[in-house]
Amino acid sequence: MPLRCENRKKGCMMNHDQGCQYTSGAWKSALDMLGFDQSMSGRGQCWDNAPMESWSGSLKTESDIITVVRNNIHEVESALFMWIETWYNTRRLHSKLGYKSPDQFEQKMAA
């Protein structure tokens, strides 16, 4: 979805660990072509990537994304969209946001 976004700003960051799929020349070339900056945690420095690891952990434990077989990428995209937009951003309370959902936090900051 971020790749299809018309108003994606230059310098969008792709943050990940140092897995072989992310250090490959093909991955780096694809990021360059799409205008993404690459950000990796340091070798053996897992806490560098802690926010992303936390989000991935929430996705795996709070959704059915890895337990339900889906037939194609569109079903996966739909399941991810539904989890993010109907649960994670709108109703899930985050301790780092003062026990508000991201939507509630943004509304408070905009006021």
Protein backbone atom coordinates (compact mmCIF):
# COMPACT_ATOMS: atom_id res chain seq x y z
CA MET A 1 0.00 0.00 0.00
CA PRO A 2 2.76 2.55 0.73
CA LEU A 3 4.14 1.89 -2.74
CA ARG A 4 0.83 2.85 -4.33
CA CYS A 5 0.42 6.02 -2.26
CA GLU A 6 0.46 9.04 -4.55
CA ASN A 7 1.59 11.51 -1.90
CA ARG A 8 4.41 9.39 -0.47
CA LYS A 9 7.20 11.73 0.44
CA LYS A 10 10.78 11.28 -0.72
CA GLY A 11 12.96 9.74 1.93
CA CYS A 12 10.39 7.30 3.32
CA MET A 13 12.21 4.94 5.64
CA MET A 14 12.12 1.15 5.35
CA ASN A 15 13.22 -0.13 8.74
CA HIS A 16 14.18 -3.78 9.24
CA ASP A 17 16.78 -6.11 10.69
CA GLN A 18 19.85 -7.50 8.93
CA GLY A 19 18.22 -10.64 7.59
CA CYS A 20 19.72 -11.90 4.33
CA GLN A 21 16.60 -10.91 2.37
CA TYR A 22 17.12 -7.28 3.46
CA THR A 23 20.85 -7.10 2.78
CA SER A 24 20.60 -8.49 -0.74
CA GLY A 25 21.49 -6.37 -3.74
CA ALA A 26 18.03 -6.96 -5.23
CA TRP A 27 16.32 -5.55 -2.12
CA LYS A 28 18.61 -2.53 -2.00
CA SER A 29 18.04 -1.85 -5.71
CA ALA A 30 14.27 -2.09 -5.29
CA LEU A 31 14.33 0.37 -2.38
CA ASP A 32 16.48 2.78 -4.38
CA MET A 33 14.14 2.54 -7.38
CA LEU A 34 11.11 3.23 -5.17
CA GLY A 35 12.76 6.14 -3.35
CA PHE A 36 13.00 4.51 0.07
CA ASP A 37 15.87 5.05 2.47
CA GLN A 38 17.06 1.87 4.15
CA SER A 39 17.42 1.65 7.90
CA MET A 40 18.77 -1.43 9.63
CA SER A 41 19.45 -2.19 13.21
CA GLY A 42 23.10 -2.71 14.00
CA ARG A 43 24.48 -6.24 14.01
CA GLY A 44 23.61 -7.80 17.35
CA GLN A 45 21.72 -4.64 18.40
CA CYS A 46 18.15 -5.90 18.43
CA TRP A 47 16.94 -2.95 20.51
CA ASP A 48 17.71 -0.61 17.59
CA ASN A 49 14.69 -2.07 15.85
CA ALA A 50 12.56 -2.52 18.98
CA PRO A 51 9.53 -0.45 17.85
CA MET A 52 9.16 -2.47 14.64
CA GLU A 53 9.74 -5.76 16.44
CA SER A 54 7.08 -4.78 18.98
CA TRP A 55 4.60 -3.94 16.22
CA SER A 56 5.31 -7.23 14.44
CA GLY A 57 4.84 -9.09 17.71
CA SER A 58 1.48 -7.39 18.25
CA LEU A 59 0.42 -8.29 14.73
CA LYS A 60 1.36 -11.95 15.22
CA THR A 61 -0.27 -12.36 18.64
CA GLU A 62 -3.36 -10.15 18.30
CA SER A 63 -4.45 -10.96 14.75
CA ASP A 64 -5.15 -14.15 12.84
CA ILE A 65 -2.68 -13.19 10.11
CA ILE A 66 -0.44 -16.22 10.63
CA THR A 67 -3.10 -18.76 11.67
CA VAL A 68 -5.64 -18.43 8.86
CA VAL A 69 -4.80 -19.67 5.38
CA ARG A 70 -5.60 -17.09 2.72
CA ASN A 71 -5.86 -17.80 -0.99
CA ASN A 72 -4.01 -14.82 -2.43
CA ILE A 73 -2.20 -11.57 -1.70
CA HIS A 74 -5.45 -9.59 -1.89
CA GLU A 75 -6.89 -11.58 1.02
CA VAL A 76 -3.69 -10.96 3.01
CA GLU A 77 -3.83 -7.22 2.23
CA SER A 78 -7.49 -7.10 3.25
CA ALA A 79 -6.82 -8.92 6.53
CA LEU A 80 -3.91 -6.60 7.34
CA PHE A 81 -5.93 -3.51 6.47
CA MET A 82 -8.84 -4.64 8.63
CA TRP A 83 -6.61 -5.39 11.63
CA ILE A 84 -4.74 -2.10 11.37
CA GLU A 85 -7.68 0.17 10.59
CA THR A 86 -10.42 -1.41 12.71
CA TRP A 87 -8.38 -2.50 15.73
CA TYR A 88 -4.79 -1.30 16.03
CA ASN A 89 -5.29 2.36 15.07
CA THR A 90 -8.81 2.88 16.36
CA ARG A 91 -9.39 0.80 19.51
CA ARG A 92 -6.12 -0.69 20.76
CA LEU A 93 -4.79 1.28 23.73
CA HIS A 94 -1.05 2.00 23.74
CA SER A 95 0.84 2.62 26.98
CA LYS A 96 3.32 4.92 25.19
CA LEU A 97 0.39 7.08 24.06
CA GLY A 98 -1.08 7.52 27.53
CA TYR A 99 -3.40 4.53 27.06
CA LYS A 100 -5.05 6.05 24.02
CA SER A 101 -5.45 4.55 20.57
CA PRO A 102 -3.29 6.10 17.83
CA ASP A 103 -6.40 7.79 16.40
CA GLN A 104 -7.34 9.25 19.80
CA PHE A 105 -3.75 10.40 20.36
CA GLU A 106 -3.59 12.14 16.97
CA GLN A 107 -6.93 13.85 17.59
CA LYS A 108 -5.72 15.10 20.97
CA MET A 109 -2.47 16.40 19.45
CA ALA A 110 -4.33 18.17 16.64
CA ALA A 111 -6.67 19.96 19.07
